Amino acid sequence: MRVLIADDHELVLDTLVAYVEATGGIEVETAPDFPSARKKIEEGRPFDLVLLDLNMPGMNGLEGLETAISMDGANRVALITGEGSRDLAEKALAAGAAGFVPKTLPAKSLVNAIRFMAMGEQYVPAGFMSAAEPENEHPLAKKLTQREMQVLRGLTEGKSNKEIARDLDLSEPTIKLHVKTLYRKVGASNRTQAALTAKEAGLF
């Protein structure tokens, strides 16, 4: 079984590869961005499964997913992401994705998901599609992804990036990216300002 995992966060990539290779029977190749992944799909033997990080360079959201799905060297293509919204999962599956894999999945579940998808099945975590979306009608909340809301909550609680990363089981660089994005979305220039804006809006 040949699998290509593409993700721009080196720590995440190394961890994923370690999980998958430890189970045996899966040959793993990696890429740090979408152009590199595309080149590997075009030039090598076909992959049973290509796992693409939604937010890596060159991906352009679901556009990268659709491009990979249309390529001959990728038998099955799935998304792996830290932003696990039901709406995004529905769009990815509608586009023909083999699955939608949140980075928060336990290692054993992740490996099982990869095998499941490579064998031709479609994977979404149990209960994910039926889970109710958080109700928050404030305009500010609509601007933010579910993950950005979780990070913003951490900021309002006065937590450091390291603490938020630990709480959400993500890497610190990933949290820094989310913080930078949500600053722009809420119109803040620092942590205190972002926290105050969230509290004034009654988000938490």
Protein backbone atom coordinates (compact mmCIF):
# COMPACT_ATOMS: atom_id res chain seq x y z
CA MET A 1 0.00 0.00 0.00
CA ARG A 2 1.48 3.35 -1.07
CA VAL A 3 0.47 6.55 0.69
CA LEU A 4 1.51 10.16 0.11
CA ILE A 5 1.10 12.56 3.05
CA ALA A 6 1.48 16.27 2.25
CA ASP A 7 1.67 18.81 5.10
CA ASP A 8 3.73 21.97 5.58
CA HIS A 9 4.21 21.48 9.33
CA GLU A 10 7.31 19.31 9.72
CA LEU A 11 6.41 18.16 13.24
CA VAL A 12 2.91 17.10 12.17
CA LEU A 13 4.31 15.33 9.11
CA ASP A 14 6.98 13.45 11.08
CA THR A 15 4.42 12.36 13.68
CA LEU A 16 1.95 11.14 11.03
CA VAL A 17 4.64 9.18 9.19
CA ALA A 18 5.86 7.60 12.44
CA TYR A 19 2.31 6.47 13.31
CA VAL A 20 1.65 4.99 9.89
CA GLU A 21 5.01 3.28 9.36
CA ALA A 22 4.93 1.73 12.84
CA THR A 23 1.96 -0.43 11.82
CA GLY A 24 3.82 -1.97 8.85
CA GLY A 25 2.60 -2.75 5.36
CA ILE A 26 2.34 0.89 4.27
CA GLU A 27 4.97 2.65 2.16
CA VAL A 28 4.86 6.38 2.94
CA GLU A 29 6.14 9.32 0.93
CA THR A 30 5.86 12.96 2.02
CA ALA A 31 5.63 16.45 0.53
CA PRO A 32 5.80 19.89 2.24
CA ASP A 33 3.38 21.69 -0.11
CA PHE A 34 0.88 21.06 -2.91
CA PRO A 35 3.24 21.67 -5.89
CA SER A 36 5.65 19.04 -4.47
CA ALA A 37 2.77 16.61 -3.86
CA ARG A 38 1.50 17.14 -7.39
CA LYS A 39 4.95 16.41 -8.82
CA LYS A 40 5.20 13.14 -6.88
CA ILE A 41 1.74 12.08 -8.06
CA GLU A 42 2.68 12.82 -11.69
CA GLU A 43 6.13 11.22 -11.68
CA GLY A 44 5.96 8.11 -9.51
CA ARG A 45 3.99 4.91 -9.28
CA PRO A 46 0.31 5.48 -8.43
CA PHE A 47 -0.55 6.09 -4.79
CA ASP A 48 -3.35 4.10 -3.15
CA LEU A 49 -4.11 7.18 -1.06
CA VAL A 50 -3.02 10.83 -1.09
CA LEU A 51 -3.59 12.73 2.16
CA LEU A 52 -3.53 16.52 1.70
CA ASP A 53 -3.35 19.19 4.40
CA LEU A 54 -6.04 21.77 3.64
CA ASN A 55 -3.97 24.82 4.58
CA MET A 56 -0.53 24.04 3.18
CA PRO A 57 1.10 26.34 0.54
CA GLY A 58 -0.30 26.02 -2.98
CA MET A 59 -3.41 24.15 -1.87
CA ASN A 60 -5.95 26.97 -2.40
CA GLY A 61 -8.47 25.18 -0.21
CA LEU A 62 -10.66 22.66 -1.99
CA GLU A 63 -9.20 23.62 -5.38
CA GLY A 64 -6.07 21.57 -4.61
CA LEU A 65 -8.22 18.63 -3.53
CA GLU A 66 -10.16 18.68 -6.80
CA THR A 67 -6.94 18.92 -8.83
CA ALA A 68 -5.43 15.91 -7.07
CA ILE A 69 -8.63 13.88 -7.49
CA SER A 70 -8.48 14.46 -11.25
CA MET A 71 -4.90 13.11 -11.52
CA ASP A 72 -4.17 9.57 -12.71
CA GLY A 73 -1.49 8.89 -10.09
CA ALA A 74 -3.83 9.38 -7.12
CA ASN A 75 -6.32 6.54 -6.76
CA ARG A 76 -7.93 8.07 -3.67
CA VAL A 77 -7.51 11.57 -2.20
CA ALA A 78 -8.46 12.73 1.30
CA LEU A 79 -8.15 15.89 3.36
CA ILE A 80 -6.36 16.16 6.69
CA THR A 81 -6.95 19.36 8.60
CA GLY A 82 -6.89 21.09 11.96
CA GLU A 83 -10.11 22.92 11.05
CA GLY A 84 -12.76 20.27 11.43
CA SER A 85 -16.08 21.89 10.49
CA ARG A 86 -18.99 19.82 9.24
CA ASP A 87 -19.60 22.25 6.37
CA LEU A 88 -16.04 21.81 5.12
CA ALA A 89 -16.30 18.03 5.41
CA GLU A 90 -19.53 18.02 3.39
CA LYS A 91 -17.95 20.12 0.63
CA ALA A 92 -14.85 17.90 0.50
CA LEU A 93 -16.90 14.70 0.28
CA ALA A 94 -19.18 16.24 -2.35
CA ALA A 95 -16.06 17.04 -4.41
CA GLY A 96 -15.13 13.36 -4.34
CA ALA A 97 -12.73 13.14 -1.39
CA ALA A 98 -12.07 9.68 0.04
CA GLY A 99 -12.41 11.14 3.50
CA PHE A 100 -12.02 13.98 5.95
CA VAL A 101 -9.46 13.41 8.69
CA PRO A 102 -9.14 15.84 11.65
CA LYS A 103 -5.58 16.11 13.04
CA THR A 104 -7.03 15.56 16.50
CA LEU A 105 -7.72 11.87 15.75
CA PRO A 106 -5.92 9.37 18.04
CA ALA A 107 -2.99 7.62 16.32
CA LYS A 108 -4.74 4.23 16.07
CA SER A 109 -7.86 5.78 14.53
CA LEU A 110 -5.72 7.73 12.06
CA VAL A 111 -3.95 4.59 10.81
CA ASN A 112 -7.26 2.72 10.58
CA ALA A 113 -8.74 5.63 8.61
CA ILE A 114 -5.83 5.56 6.14
CA ARG A 115 -6.22 1.81 5.56
CA PHE A 116 -9.99 2.17 5.27
CA MET A 117 -9.73 4.92 2.62
CA ALA A 118 -6.94 3.22 0.66
CA MET A 119 -9.18 0.14 0.36
CA GLY A 120 -11.89 2.19 -1.35
CA GLU A 121 -14.12 3.28 1.53
CA GLN A 122 -15.08 6.83 2.48
CA TYR A 123 -14.02 7.96 5.95
CA VAL A 124 -15.40 10.59 8.34
CA PRO A 125 -15.04 10.26 12.15
CA ALA A 126 -17.99 8.56 13.83
CA GLY A 127 -20.66 11.08 14.80
CA PHE A 128 -18.86 13.94 13.03
CA MET A 129 -21.48 14.64 10.38
CA SER A 130 -24.39 14.33 12.80
CA ALA A 131 -22.84 16.57 15.46
CA ALA A 132 -24.63 19.88 15.82
CA GLU A 133 -22.71 22.93 14.70
CA PRO A 134 -22.15 25.42 17.55
CA GLU A 135 -24.87 28.02 17.56
CA ASN A 136 -23.45 31.52 17.60
CA GLU A 137 -25.12 34.12 15.45
CA HIS A 138 -22.76 37.01 16.25
CA PRO A 139 -21.21 38.39 13.01
CA LEU A 140 -17.74 37.98 14.53
CA ALA A 141 -18.36 34.28 15.18
CA LYS A 142 -19.41 33.76 11.56
CA LYS A 143 -16.04 35.11 10.39
CA LEU A 144 -14.07 32.52 12.36
CA THR A 145 -13.60 28.80 11.81
CA GLN A 146 -14.38 26.40 14.63
CA ARG A 147 -10.65 26.02 15.34
CA GLU A 148 -10.09 29.79 15.40
CA MET A 149 -12.93 30.09 17.91
CA GLN A 150 -11.20 27.50 20.11
CA VAL A 151 -7.92 29.41 19.90
CA LEU A 152 -9.69 32.70 20.63
CA ARG A 153 -11.27 31.12 23.70
CA GLY A 154 -7.77 30.23 24.88
CA LEU A 155 -6.68 33.85 24.41
CA THR A 156 -9.62 35.12 26.47
CA GLU A 157 -8.56 32.70 29.23
CA GLY A 158 -5.08 34.26 29.20
CA LYS A 159 -3.36 31.11 27.95
CA SER A 160 -0.06 31.07 26.07
CA ASN A 161 0.29 29.57 22.58
CA LYS A 162 2.01 26.58 24.18
CA GLU A 163 -0.91 26.00 26.57
CA ILE A 164 -3.50 26.36 23.79
CA ALA A 165 -1.50 23.94 21.62
CA ARG A 166 -1.51 21.39 24.44
CA ASP A 167 -5.25 21.82 25.06
CA LEU A 168 -6.12 21.33 21.38
CA ASP A 169 -3.47 18.67 20.71
CA LEU A 170 -1.88 20.78 17.96
CA SER A 171 1.67 22.06 17.39
CA GLU A 172 2.66 25.52 18.62
CA PRO A 173 3.43 26.78 15.06
CA THR A 174 -0.11 25.79 14.05
CA ILE A 175 -1.55 27.83 16.94
CA LYS A 176 0.61 30.82 15.92
CA LEU A 177 -0.87 30.65 12.41
CA HIS A 178 -4.42 30.54 13.78
CA VAL A 179 -3.68 33.48 16.11
CA LYS A 180 -2.31 35.54 13.23
CA THR A 181 -5.37 34.79 11.08
CA LEU A 182 -7.90 35.55 13.78
CA TYR A 183 -6.13 38.85 14.61
CA ARG A 184 -6.83 39.92 11.03
CA LYS A 185 -10.42 38.71 11.10
CA VAL A 186 -11.37 40.42 14.39
CA GLY A 187 -9.33 43.55 13.70
CA ALA A 188 -6.91 43.11 16.61
CA SER A 189 -3.17 43.75 16.77
CA ASN A 190 -2.36 41.77 19.93
CA ARG A 191 -3.65 39.06 22.29
CA THR A 192 -5.22 41.46 24.80
CA GLN A 193 -7.11 43.33 22.09
CA ALA A 194 -8.38 40.07 20.57
CA ALA A 195 -9.53 38.80 23.98
CA LEU A 196 -11.29 42.08 24.78
CA THR A 197 -13.03 42.11 21.39
CA ALA A 198 -14.28 38.56 21.97
CA LYS A 199 -15.54 39.37 25.47
CA GLU A 200 -17.26 42.58 24.35
CA ALA A 201 -18.99 40.61 21.59
CA GLY A 202 -20.16 38.06 24.17
CA LEU A 203 -18.57 35.15 22.34
CA PHE A 204 -17.49 33.47 25.57
